[in-house]
Amino acid sequence: MKFKIIYLIAAFVVTLAFTNCDTDVENLEIQKLYTYDEQYYQNLRDFKKSNHEISYAYYEAWSPVEGVEGTKYPSSWGERIMGLPDSIDIVNLWMGIPTANTHPLAYQDMKFCQEKKGTRFVMHADASHYRHKFTVDGVDYDMGGSSNIDDATMAAYAKWIVQQVLEPGLDGVDVDWEGWSGSNLTRLITELGKYFGPKGQDTDKLLIVDFFNSRPPTDIIPYCDYFVSQSYSNQTGGIYHPAGFPYENMIYCETFGVFYATGGKLLDYAQWEPASGHKGGCGVFYLGRNYYSTSGIPYNEFRKAIQIMNPAVY
């Protein structure tokens, strides 16, 4: 009898305890993000304005999968522009352009990085096929499948690119040259050079040309801030430098599209210097894949490359 009474009392107490438990779900903060004061951001902006070897990346993970419409609200910092290394200089938005309407979170991240961190974002423009369709000043243009682009259409294409850059407040454009003739590239860059780059109306807006293993026409050199060599070592074997181009304006890119586990020759590119002078910098294609570095440190190899080119001062 005593045992039964004790058992009943214990059961009652346990039941009472459960009925009085707080059933609200609480979010656990596993790790707090680092916070920085305004002096940190000022130092960061000053560094990026200084004369140094720059870091450059084609960054894709911020956007939805190619061909998928809509926006993206990722839970991983590896898919957030805010999660990129603070010291990155230029980001090529090669999977599209975030705007306040189309990709509000990515746009918000981009504006913060521009204003607080001094990171520059450029449009990825296409000079690698002839099927561009666009509208300028109410006129529809279609380049079709021909390489015979008249002057009016080329000028309109340049103006359309400028509009794509200015509307969301980007910092310039990178023209991807992998198919057009050299003469067509020269015509486009000459037109764009009226707006952006060293000879443009707005010299703060970058004009960049990237290419694979073909030598761009040297006529475009005075109009451009940088030239990006797609020196993907699995295809080129190493750094590809076109004859006649200034080393100090050259950025040599490795690819994480293949070497996302090791970074390929990225660190070699960061260490390499020409016989005289210095290179413009180095960078990567598919930076998003390096977030999941085998070291456990996000963007570890890319961060190392930045440190090699610009050692931290303590």
C-alpha atoms as a PDB file:
ATOM      1  CA  MET A   1       0.000   0.000   0.000  1.00  0.00           C
ATOM      2  CA  LYS A   2       2.826   2.436   0.931  1.00  0.00           C
ATOM      3  CA  PHE A   3       4.569   1.589  -2.335  1.00  0.00           C
ATOM      4  CA  LYS A   4       1.423   2.300  -4.371  1.00  0.00           C
ATOM      5  CA  ILE A   5       0.878   5.671  -2.625  1.00  0.00           C
ATOM      6  CA  ILE A   6       4.487   6.741  -3.238  1.00  0.00           C
ATOM      7  CA  TYR A   7       4.235   5.637  -6.875  1.00  0.00           C
ATOM      8  CA  LEU A   8       1.022   7.603  -7.396  1.00  0.00           C
ATOM      9  CA  ILE A   9       2.491  10.753  -5.796  1.00  0.00           C
ATOM     10  CA  ALA A  10       5.616  10.487  -8.002  1.00  0.00           C
ATOM     11  CA  ALA A  11       3.510  10.054 -11.145  1.00  0.00           C
ATOM     12  CA  PHE A  12       1.445  13.110 -10.185  1.00  0.00           C
ATOM     13  CA  VAL A  13       4.545  15.259  -9.678  1.00  0.00           C
ATOM     14  CA  VAL A  14       6.009  14.227 -13.051  1.00  0.00           C
ATOM     15  CA  THR A  15       2.712  14.946 -14.800  1.00  0.00           C
ATOM     16  CA  LEU A  16       2.488  18.354 -13.123  1.00  0.00           C
ATOM     17  CA  ALA A  17       6.045  19.174 -14.175  1.00  0.00           C
ATOM     18  CA  PHE A  18       5.337  18.354 -17.827  1.00  0.00           C
ATOM     19  CA  THR A  19       2.130  20.386 -17.898  1.00  0.00           C
ATOM     20  CA  ASN A  20       4.002  23.421 -16.593  1.00  0.00           C
ATOM     21  CA  CYS A  21       6.874  23.181 -19.120  1.00  0.00           C
ATOM     22  CA  ASP A  22       7.381  26.042 -21.572  1.00  0.00           C
ATOM     23  CA  THR A  23       6.485  24.587 -24.956  1.00  0.00           C
ATOM     24  CA  ASP A  24       7.719  27.614 -26.970  1.00  0.00           C
ATOM     25  CA  VAL A  25      10.501  26.719 -29.425  1.00  0.00           C
ATOM     26  CA  GLU A  26      13.630  28.788 -28.901  1.00  0.00           C
ATOM     27  CA  ASN A  27      16.264  29.404 -31.574  1.00  0.00           C
ATOM     28  CA  LEU A  28      19.699  28.474 -30.343  1.00  0.00           C
ATOM     29  CA  GLU A  29      22.531  30.796 -31.368  1.00  0.00           C
ATOM     30  CA  ILE A  30      25.287  28.293 -32.089  1.00  0.00           C
ATOM     31  CA  GLN A  31      27.901  30.840 -33.096  1.00  0.00           C
ATOM     32  CA  LYS A  32      27.814  34.622 -33.033  1.00  0.00           C
ATOM     33  CA  LEU A  33      28.984  36.467 -36.142  1.00  0.00           C
ATOM     34  CA  TYR A  34      31.945  38.762 -35.774  1.00  0.00           C
ATOM     35  CA  THR A  35      31.066  42.422 -35.537  1.00  0.00           C
ATOM     36  CA  TYR A  36      33.367  45.267 -36.519  1.00  0.00           C
ATOM     37  CA  ASP A  37      33.533  48.967 -35.771  1.00  0.00           C
ATOM     38  CA  GLU A  38      33.555  51.736 -38.337  1.00  0.00           C
ATOM     39  CA  GLN A  39      37.365  52.020 -38.211  1.00  0.00           C
ATOM     40  CA  TYR A  40      37.650  48.447 -39.464  1.00  0.00           C
ATOM     41  CA  TYR A  41      35.469  49.218 -42.473  1.00  0.00           C
ATOM     42  CA  GLN A  42      37.313  52.458 -43.151  1.00  0.00           C
ATOM     43  CA  ASN A  43      40.633  50.595 -43.155  1.00  0.00           C
ATOM     44  CA  LEU A  44      39.130  48.027 -45.521  1.00  0.00           C
ATOM     45  CA  ARG A  45      37.925  50.706 -47.944  1.00  0.00           C
ATOM     46  CA  ASP A  46      41.278  52.484 -47.802  1.00  0.00           C
ATOM     47  CA  PHE A  47      43.121  49.240 -48.568  1.00  0.00           C
ATOM     48  CA  LYS A  48      40.984  48.594 -51.634  1.00  0.00           C
ATOM     49  CA  LYS A  49      41.663  52.107 -52.918  1.00  0.00           C
ATOM     50  CA  SER A  50      45.420  51.662 -52.485  1.00  0.00           C
ATOM     51  CA  ASN A  51      47.895  50.471 -55.112  1.00  0.00           C
ATOM     52  CA  HIS A  52      47.957  46.712 -54.554  1.00  0.00           C
ATOM     53  CA  GLU A  53      47.572  43.398 -56.370  1.00  0.00           C
ATOM     54  CA  ILE A  54      43.858  42.790 -56.473  1.00  0.00           C
ATOM     55  CA  SER A  55      41.717  39.716 -55.889  1.00  0.00           C
ATOM     56  CA  TYR A  56      39.013  38.883 -58.412  1.00  0.00           C
ATOM     57  CA  ALA A  57      36.334  36.185 -58.570  1.00  0.00           C
ATOM     58  CA  TYR A  58      33.501  34.900 -60.693  1.00  0.00           C
ATOM     59  CA  TYR A  59      30.893  34.249 -58.003  1.00  0.00           C
ATOM     60  CA  GLU A  60      27.832  32.151 -58.773  1.00  0.00           C
ATOM     61  CA  ALA A  61      26.407  30.758 -55.513  1.00  0.00           C
ATOM     62  CA  TRP A  62      24.296  33.849 -54.691  1.00  0.00           C
ATOM     63  CA  SER A  63      21.860  33.134 -57.538  1.00  0.00           C
ATOM     64  CA  PRO A  64      19.263  30.437 -58.222  1.00  0.00           C
ATOM     65  CA  VAL A  65      20.316  27.537 -60.427  1.00  0.00           C
ATOM     66  CA  GLU A  66      20.693  28.671 -64.037  1.00  0.00           C
ATOM     67  CA  GLY A  67      17.345  28.629 -65.822  1.00  0.00           C
ATOM     68  CA  VAL A  68      15.336  28.731 -62.585  1.00  0.00           C
ATOM     69  CA  GLU A  69      13.202  31.822 -62.105  1.00  0.00           C
ATOM     70  CA  GLY A  70      12.584  33.575 -58.820  1.00  0.00           C
ATOM     71  CA  THR A  71      14.793  34.672 -55.963  1.00  0.00           C
ATOM     72  CA  LYS A  72      16.797  32.839 -53.338  1.00  0.00           C
ATOM     73  CA  TYR A  73      16.936  33.019 -49.520  1.00  0.00           C
ATOM     74  CA  PRO A  74      19.821  30.707 -48.609  1.00  0.00           C
ATOM     75  CA  SER A  75      20.556  29.490 -45.103  1.00  0.00           C
ATOM     76  CA  SER A  76      24.267  28.961 -45.833  1.00  0.00           C
ATOM     77  CA  TRP A  77      26.768  31.819 -45.760  1.00  0.00           C
ATOM     78  CA  GLY A  78      28.409  30.047 -48.677  1.00  0.00           C
ATOM     79  CA  GLU A  79      25.496  31.272 -50.807  1.00  0.00           C
ATOM     80  CA  ARG A  80      25.462  34.828 -49.479  1.00  0.00           C
ATOM     81  CA  ILE A  81      27.372  37.771 -50.922  1.00  0.00           C
ATOM     82  CA  MET A  82      27.769  38.903 -47.314  1.00  0.00           C
ATOM     83  CA  GLY A  83      29.660  35.673 -46.642  1.00  0.00           C
ATOM     84  CA  LEU A  84      32.453  36.462 -49.115  1.00  0.00           C
ATOM     85  CA  PRO A  85      35.903  37.342 -47.735  1.00  0.00           C
ATOM     86  CA  ASP A  86      35.932  40.988 -46.684  1.00  0.00           C
ATOM     87  CA  SER A  87      39.186  41.642 -48.554  1.00  0.00           C
ATOM     88  CA  ILE A  88      37.963  40.591 -52.013  1.00  0.00           C
ATOM     89  CA  ASP A  89      38.331  43.468 -54.475  1.00  0.00           C
ATOM     90  CA  ILE A  90      36.142  42.676 -57.504  1.00  0.00           C
ATOM     91  CA  VAL A  91      33.216  40.272 -57.880  1.00  0.00           C
ATOM     92  CA  ASN A  92      32.036  39.227 -61.344  1.00  0.00           C
ATOM     93  CA  LEU A  93      28.272  38.569 -61.139  1.00  0.00           C
ATOM     94  CA  TRP A  94      28.408  36.015 -63.917  1.00  0.00           C
ATOM     95  CA  MET A  95      25.037  34.397 -63.137  1.00  0.00           C
ATOM     96  CA  GLY A  96      22.991  37.568 -63.438  1.00  0.00           C
ATOM     97  CA  ILE A  97      22.458  40.902 -61.698  1.00  0.00           C
ATOM     98  CA  PRO A  98      20.681  41.173 -58.331  1.00  0.00           C
ATOM     99  CA  THR A  99      18.179  44.000 -58.086  1.00  0.00           C
ATOM    100  CA  ALA A 100      15.890  45.138 -55.283  1.00  0.00           C
ATOM    101  CA  ASN A 101      12.933  43.562 -57.081  1.00  0.00           C
ATOM    102  CA  THR A 102      14.388  40.341 -58.484  1.00  0.00           C
ATOM    103  CA  HIS A 103      16.810  39.261 -55.723  1.00  0.00           C
ATOM    104  CA  PRO A 104      16.183  41.466 -52.656  1.00  0.00           C
ATOM    105  CA  LEU A 105      18.474  39.613 -50.225  1.00  0.00           C
ATOM    106  CA  ALA A 106      21.400  39.385 -52.641  1.00  0.00           C
ATOM    107  CA  TYR A 107      20.882  43.039 -53.592  1.00  0.00           C
ATOM    108  CA  GLN A 108      20.881  44.072 -49.936  1.00  0.00           C
ATOM    109  CA  ASP A 109      24.087  42.101 -49.360  1.00  0.00           C
ATOM    110  CA  MET A 110      25.726  43.646 -52.420  1.00  0.00           C
ATOM    111  CA  LYS A 111      24.918  47.218 -51.383  1.00  0.00           C
ATOM    112  CA  PHE A 112      26.320  46.626 -47.886  1.00  0.00           C
ATOM    113  CA  CYS A 113      29.543  45.190 -49.326  1.00  0.00           C
ATOM    114  CA  GLN A 114      29.881  48.100 -51.741  1.00  0.00           C
ATOM    115  CA  GLU A 115      29.249  50.819 -49.192  1.00  0.00           C
ATOM    116  CA  LYS A 116      30.906  49.383 -46.071  1.00  0.00           C
ATOM    117  CA  LYS A 117      33.605  47.067 -47.438  1.00  0.00           C
ATOM    118  CA  GLY A 118      34.492  48.849 -50.676  1.00  0.00           C
ATOM    119  CA  THR A 119      33.963  45.667 -52.719  1.00  0.00           C
ATOM    120  CA  ARG A 120      33.260  46.324 -56.402  1.00  0.00           C
ATOM    121  CA  PHE A 121      30.720  44.333 -58.429  1.00  0.00           C
ATOM    122  CA  VAL A 122      30.761  44.095 -62.213  1.00  0.00           C
ATOM    123  CA  MET A 123      28.284  42.871 -64.791  1.00  0.00           C
ATOM    124  CA  HIS A 124      29.294  39.833 -66.836  1.00  0.00           C
ATOM    125  CA  ALA A 125      28.648  40.948 -70.436  1.00  0.00           C
ATOM    126  CA  ASP A 126      28.692  38.544 -73.343  1.00  0.00           C
ATOM    127  CA  ALA A 127      30.897  38.812 -76.431  1.00  0.00           C
ATOM    128  CA  SER A 128      30.953  35.105 -77.130  1.00  0.00           C
ATOM    129  CA  HIS A 129      27.982  34.533 -79.433  1.00  0.00           C
ATOM    130  CA  TYR A 130      25.675  36.521 -81.703  1.00  0.00           C
ATOM    131  CA  ARG A 131      22.193  35.871 -80.353  1.00  0.00           C
ATOM    132  CA  HIS A 132      21.762  38.908 -78.136  1.00  0.00           C
ATOM    133  CA  LYS A 133      18.291  40.375 -77.884  1.00  0.00           C
ATOM    134  CA  PHE A 134      17.816  43.674 -76.061  1.00  0.00           C
ATOM    135  CA  THR A 135      15.815  46.896 -76.082  1.00  0.00           C
ATOM    136  CA  VAL A 136      17.270  50.393 -76.006  1.00  0.00           C
ATOM    137  CA  ASP A 137      15.209  53.604 -76.115  1.00  0.00           C
ATOM    138  CA  GLY A 138      12.123  51.623 -77.071  1.00  0.00           C
ATOM    139  CA  VAL A 139      13.811  49.919 -80.025  1.00  0.00           C
ATOM    140  CA  ASP A 140      14.201  46.123 -80.084  1.00  0.00           C
ATOM    141  CA  TYR A 141      17.490  44.703 -81.332  1.00  0.00           C
ATOM    142  CA  ASP A 142      18.314  41.144 -82.330  1.00  0.00           C
ATOM    143  CA  MET A 143      21.859  40.282 -83.347  1.00  0.00           C
ATOM    144  CA  GLY A 144      20.643  36.930 -84.635  1.00  0.00           C
ATOM    145  CA  GLY A 145      23.243  34.405 -85.702  1.00  0.00           C
ATOM    146  CA  SER A 146      25.367  36.730 -87.779  1.00  0.00           C
ATOM    147  CA  SER A 147      28.771  38.223 -87.044  1.00  0.00           C
ATOM    148  CA  ASN A 148      27.961  41.183 -89.308  1.00  0.00           C
ATOM    149  CA  ILE A 149      26.862  43.657 -86.664  1.00  0.00           C
ATOM    150  CA  ASP A 150      26.282  47.156 -87.988  1.00  0.00           C
ATOM    151  CA  ASP A 151      27.569  50.210 -86.162  1.00  0.00           C
ATOM    152  CA  ALA A 152      24.136  51.298 -84.917  1.00  0.00           C
ATOM    153  CA  THR A 153      23.448  47.894 -83.349  1.00  0.00           C
ATOM    154  CA  MET A 154      26.897  47.753 -81.747  1.00  0.00           C
ATOM    155  CA  ALA A 155      26.430  51.227 -80.272  1.00  0.00           C
ATOM    156  CA  ALA A 156      23.000  50.222 -78.982  1.00  0.00           C
ATOM    157  CA  TYR A 157      24.447  47.071 -77.402  1.00  0.00           C
ATOM    158  CA  ALA A 158      27.060  49.167 -75.598  1.00  0.00           C
ATOM    159  CA  LYS A 159      24.360  51.539 -74.388  1.00  0.00           C
ATOM    160  CA  TRP A 160      22.249  48.602 -73.160  1.00  0.00           C
ATOM    161  CA  ILE A 161      25.219  47.260 -71.162  1.00  0.00           C
ATOM    162  CA  VAL A 162      25.723  50.680 -69.606  1.00  0.00           C
ATOM    163  CA  GLN A 163      22.067  50.746 -68.557  1.00  0.00           C
ATOM    164  CA  GLN A 164      22.382  47.291 -66.963  1.00  0.00           C
ATOM    165  CA  VAL A 165      25.328  48.575 -64.922  1.00  0.00           C
ATOM    166  CA  LEU A 166      23.846  51.898 -63.848  1.00  0.00           C
ATOM    167  CA  GLU A 167      20.308  50.866 -62.893  1.00  0.00           C
ATOM    168  CA  PRO A 168      21.271  48.595 -59.945  1.00  0.00           C
ATOM    169  CA  GLY A 169      24.392  50.668 -59.154  1.00  0.00           C
ATOM    170  CA  LEU A 170      27.120  48.227 -60.221  1.00  0.00           C
ATOM    171  CA  ASP A 171      30.753  49.280 -60.430  1.00  0.00           C
ATOM    172  CA  GLY A 172      31.410  48.429 -64.058  1.00  0.00           C
ATOM    173  CA  VAL A 173      31.424  45.641 -66.612  1.00  0.00           C
ATOM    174  CA  ASP A 174      33.570  42.665 -67.586  1.00  0.00           C
ATOM    175  CA  VAL A 175      33.189  41.738 -71.262  1.00  0.00           C
ATOM    176  CA  ASP A 176      33.683  38.006 -71.788  1.00  0.00           C
ATOM    177  CA  TRP A 177      35.444  37.551 -75.156  1.00  0.00           C
ATOM    178  CA  GLU A 178      35.422  33.978 -76.393  1.00  0.00           C
ATOM    179  CA  GLY A 179      33.879  33.995 -79.854  1.00  0.00           C
ATOM    180  CA  TRP A 180      33.622  37.375 -81.497  1.00  0.00           C
ATOM    181  CA  SER A 181      36.199  38.544 -83.991  1.00  0.00           C
ATOM    182  CA  GLY A 182      38.858  40.887 -82.696  1.00  0.00           C
ATOM    183  CA  SER A 183      37.434  43.722 -84.784  1.00  0.00           C
ATOM    184  CA  ASN A 184      33.985  43.337 -83.237  1.00  0.00           C
ATOM    185  CA  LEU A 185      35.486  43.323 -79.763  1.00  0.00           C
ATOM    186  CA  THR A 186      37.395  46.507 -80.565  1.00  0.00           C
ATOM    187  CA  ARG A 187      34.211  48.181 -81.796  1.00  0.00           C
ATOM    188  CA  LEU A 188      32.320  47.251 -78.627  1.00  0.00           C
ATOM    189  CA  ILE A 189      35.097  48.300 -76.257  1.00  0.00           C
ATOM    190  CA  THR A 190      35.570  51.578 -78.120  1.00  0.00           C
ATOM    191  CA  GLU A 191      31.871  52.307 -77.614  1.00  0.00           C
ATOM    192  CA  LEU A 192      31.868  51.229 -73.959  1.00  0.00           C
ATOM    193  CA  GLY A 193      35.050  53.235 -73.457  1.00  0.00           C
ATOM    194  CA  LYS A 194      33.050  56.388 -74.035  1.00  0.00           C
ATOM    195  CA  TYR A 195      31.168  55.695 -70.804  1.00  0.00           C
ATOM    196  CA  PHE A 196      33.449  53.624 -68.509  1.00  0.00           C
ATOM    197  CA  GLY A 197      37.158  52.986 -68.005  1.00  0.00           C
ATOM    198  CA  PRO A 198      40.231  55.261 -68.231  1.00  0.00           C
ATOM    199  CA  LYS A 199      38.855  57.236 -71.201  1.00  0.00           C
ATOM    200  CA  GLY A 200      35.195  57.206 -70.208  1.00  0.00           C
ATOM    201  CA  GLN A 201      32.832  59.829 -68.848  1.00  0.00           C
ATOM    202  CA  ASP A 202      32.860  57.984 -65.505  1.00  0.00           C
ATOM    203  CA  THR A 203      36.377  56.739 -64.814  1.00  0.00           C
ATOM    204  CA  ASP A 204      35.249  55.218 -61.524  1.00  0.00           C
ATOM    205  CA  LYS A 205      33.287  52.589 -63.458  1.00  0.00           C
ATOM    206  CA  LEU A 206      35.462  49.635 -64.415  1.00  0.00           C
ATOM    207  CA  LEU A 207      35.870  48.403 -67.975  1.00  0.00           C
ATOM    208  CA  ILE A 208      37.358  44.893 -68.024  1.00  0.00           C
ATOM    209  CA  VAL A 209      37.851  42.280 -70.747  1.00  0.00           C
ATOM    210  CA  ASP A 210      38.293  38.586 -69.972  1.00  0.00           C
ATOM    211  CA  PHE A 211      39.438  35.928 -72.406  1.00  0.00           C
ATOM    212  CA  PHE A 212      40.652  32.339 -72.633  1.00  0.00           C
ATOM    213  CA  ASN A 213      43.702  31.452 -74.737  1.00  0.00           C
ATOM    214  CA  SER A 214      43.369  33.906 -77.628  1.00  0.00           C
ATOM    215  CA  ARG A 215      45.191  37.223 -77.775  1.00  0.00           C
ATOM    216  CA  PRO A 216      42.755  40.158 -77.704  1.00  0.00           C
ATOM    217  CA  PRO A 217      43.486  43.077 -80.056  1.00  0.00           C
ATOM    218  CA  THR A 218      45.961  45.495 -78.496  1.00  0.00           C
ATOM    219  CA  ASP A 219      43.796  48.387 -79.705  1.00  0.00           C
ATOM    220  CA  ILE A 220      41.592  47.943 -76.624  1.00  0.00           C
ATOM    221  CA  ILE A 221      44.402  48.397 -74.077  1.00  0.00           C
ATOM    222  CA  PRO A 222      43.965  52.181 -73.540  1.00  0.00           C
ATOM    223  CA  TYR A 223      40.234  51.760 -72.847  1.00  0.00           C
ATOM    224  CA  CYS A 224      40.415  49.063 -70.160  1.00  0.00           C
ATOM    225  CA  ASP A 225      41.221  49.010 -66.453  1.00  0.00           C
ATOM    226  CA  TYR A 226      42.018  45.284 -66.295  1.00  0.00           C
ATOM    227  CA  PHE A 227      42.333  42.191 -68.445  1.00  0.00           C
ATOM    228  CA  VAL A 228      41.361  38.833 -66.959  1.00  0.00           C
ATOM    229  CA  SER A 229      43.198  35.808 -68.312  1.00  0.00           C
ATOM    230  CA  GLN A 230      41.224  32.590 -67.836  1.00  0.00           C
ATOM    231  CA  SER A 231      44.393  30.643 -67.066  1.00  0.00           C
ATOM    232  CA  TYR A 232      42.590  27.499 -65.958  1.00  0.00           C
ATOM    233  CA  SER A 233      45.515  25.172 -65.389  1.00  0.00           C
ATOM    234  CA  ASN A 234      43.625  22.038 -66.381  1.00  0.00           C
ATOM    235  CA  GLN A 235      43.324  23.607 -69.855  1.00  0.00           C
ATOM    236  CA  THR A 236      46.203  26.070 -70.205  1.00  0.00           C
ATOM    237  CA  GLY A 237      48.764  24.369 -67.977  1.00  0.00           C
ATOM    238  CA  GLY A 238      49.402  27.611 -66.131  1.00  0.00           C
ATOM    239  CA  ILE A 239      49.469  31.365 -66.547  1.00  0.00           C
ATOM    240  CA  TYR A 240      48.522  32.582 -70.017  1.00  0.00           C
ATOM    241  CA  HIS A 241      49.799  36.067 -70.815  1.00  0.00           C
ATOM    242  CA  PRO A 242      49.054  37.575 -74.241  1.00  0.00           C
ATOM    243  CA  ALA A 243      52.033  39.329 -75.813  1.00  0.00           C
ATOM    244  CA  GLY A 244      51.905  43.108 -75.712  1.00  0.00           C
ATOM    245  CA  PHE A 245      49.626  43.427 -72.698  1.00  0.00           C
ATOM    246  CA  PRO A 246      50.847  45.233 -69.557  1.00  0.00           C
ATOM    247  CA  TYR A 247      51.450  42.921 -66.606  1.00  0.00           C
ATOM    248  CA  GLU A 248      50.224  45.480 -64.080  1.00  0.00           C
ATOM    249  CA  ASN A 249      46.738  45.345 -65.621  1.00  0.00           C
ATOM    250  CA  MET A 250      46.579  41.554 -65.871  1.00  0.00           C
ATOM    251  CA  ILE A 251      44.581  39.307 -63.536  1.00  0.00           C
ATOM    252  CA  TYR A 252      45.279  35.585 -63.817  1.00  0.00           C
ATOM    253  CA  CYS A 253      42.419  33.281 -62.853  1.00  0.00           C
ATOM    254  CA  GLU A 254      42.424  29.632 -61.808  1.00  0.00           C
ATOM    255  CA  THR A 255      39.193  27.601 -61.647  1.00  0.00           C
ATOM    256  CA  PHE A 256      37.522  26.016 -58.637  1.00  0.00           C
ATOM    257  CA  GLY A 257      35.140  24.433 -61.120  1.00  0.00           C
ATOM    258  CA  VAL A 258      37.619  21.563 -61.316  1.00  0.00           C
ATOM    259  CA  PHE A 259      40.028  22.125 -58.423  1.00  0.00           C
ATOM    260  CA  TYR A 260      37.578  23.034 -55.681  1.00  0.00           C
ATOM    261  CA  ALA A 261      39.302  20.670 -53.233  1.00  0.00           C
ATOM    262  CA  THR A 262      42.842  22.015 -53.653  1.00  0.00           C
ATOM    263  CA  GLY A 263      42.602  25.291 -55.537  1.00  0.00           C
ATOM    264  CA  GLY A 264      44.792  24.020 -58.361  1.00  0.00           C
ATOM    265  CA  LYS A 265      47.596  26.484 -59.061  1.00  0.00           C
ATOM    266  CA  LEU A 266      45.895  29.479 -57.446  1.00  0.00           C
ATOM    267  CA  LEU A 267      48.594  29.940 -54.809  1.00  0.00           C
ATOM    268  CA  ASP A 268      51.254  29.671 -57.509  1.00  0.00           C
ATOM    269  CA  TYR A 269      49.509  32.447 -59.425  1.00  0.00           C
ATOM    270  CA  ALA A 270      49.411  34.571 -56.271  1.00  0.00           C
ATOM    271  CA  GLN A 271      53.171  34.132 -55.770  1.00  0.00           C
ATOM    272  CA  TRP A 272      54.185  34.602 -59.402  1.00  0.00           C
ATOM    273  CA  GLU A 273      55.591  37.926 -60.559  1.00  0.00           C
ATOM    274  CA  PRO A 274      56.846  39.041 -63.984  1.00  0.00           C
ATOM    275  CA  ALA A 275      60.576  39.637 -64.539  1.00  0.00           C
ATOM    276  CA  SER A 276      60.007  43.351 -64.016  1.00  0.00           C
ATOM    277  CA  GLY A 277      57.193  45.234 -62.341  1.00  0.00           C
ATOM    278  CA  HIS A 278      54.233  43.388 -60.858  1.00  0.00           C
ATOM    279  CA  LYS A 279      51.015  41.710 -61.951  1.00  0.00           C
ATOM    280  CA  GLY A 280      47.587  43.230 -61.537  1.00  0.00           C
ATOM    281  CA  GLY A 281      46.381  40.357 -59.373  1.00  0.00           C
ATOM    282  CA  CYS A 282      44.873  36.889 -59.435  1.00  0.00           C
ATOM    283  CA  GLY A 283      41.491  35.304 -59.010  1.00  0.00           C
ATOM    284  CA  VAL A 284      39.216  32.330 -59.481  1.00  0.00           C
ATOM    285  CA  PHE A 285      36.288  30.994 -61.452  1.00  0.00           C
ATOM    286  CA  TYR A 286      33.518  29.333 -59.386  1.00  0.00           C
ATOM    287  CA  LEU A 287      34.556  30.917 -56.074  1.00  0.00           C
ATOM    288  CA  GLY A 288      31.443  29.473 -54.388  1.00  0.00           C
ATOM    289  CA  ARG A 289      32.941  25.992 -54.414  1.00  0.00           C
ATOM    290  CA  ASN A 290      35.862  27.097 -52.250  1.00  0.00           C
ATOM    291  CA  TYR A 291      33.518  27.896 -49.366  1.00  0.00           C
ATOM    292  CA  TYR A 292      33.590  24.172 -48.602  1.00  0.00           C
ATOM    293  CA  SER A 293      37.372  23.981 -48.348  1.00  0.00           C
ATOM    294  CA  THR A 294      38.850  20.703 -47.123  1.00  0.00           C
ATOM    295  CA  SER A 295      40.614  22.743 -44.415  1.00  0.00           C
ATOM    296  CA  GLY A 296      37.271  23.519 -42.798  1.00  0.00           C
ATOM    297  CA  ILE A 297      37.941  27.246 -43.219  1.00  0.00           C
ATOM    298  CA  PRO A 298      35.551  28.928 -45.681  1.00  0.00           C
ATOM    299  CA  TYR A 299      37.376  30.176 -48.787  1.00  0.00           C
ATOM    300  CA  ASN A 300      40.660  29.061 -47.267  1.00  0.00           C
ATOM    301  CA  GLU A 301      42.718  28.842 -50.476  1.00  0.00           C
ATOM    302  CA  PHE A 302      41.307  32.088 -51.834  1.00  0.00           C
ATOM    303  CA  ARG A 303      42.086  33.870 -48.567  1.00  0.00           C
ATOM    304  CA  LYS A 304      45.627  32.508 -48.674  1.00  0.00           C
ATOM    305  CA  ALA A 305      46.073  33.888 -52.190  1.00  0.00           C
ATOM    306  CA  ILE A 306      45.031  37.356 -51.012  1.00  0.00           C
ATOM    307  CA  GLN A 307      47.483  37.149 -48.092  1.00  0.00           C
ATOM    308  CA  ILE A 308      50.338  36.078 -50.381  1.00  0.00           C
ATOM    309  CA  MET A 309      49.788  39.086 -52.634  1.00  0.00           C
ATOM    310  CA  ASN A 310      49.126  41.501 -49.746  1.00  0.00           C
ATOM    311  CA  PRO A 311      50.571  40.220 -46.444  1.00  0.00           C
ATOM    312  CA  ALA A 312      48.735  41.497 -43.387  1.00  0.00           C
ATOM    313  CA  VAL A 313      50.531  44.139 -41.341  1.00  0.00           C
ATOM    314  CA  TYR A 314      50.426  43.564 -37.587  1.00  0.00           C
END
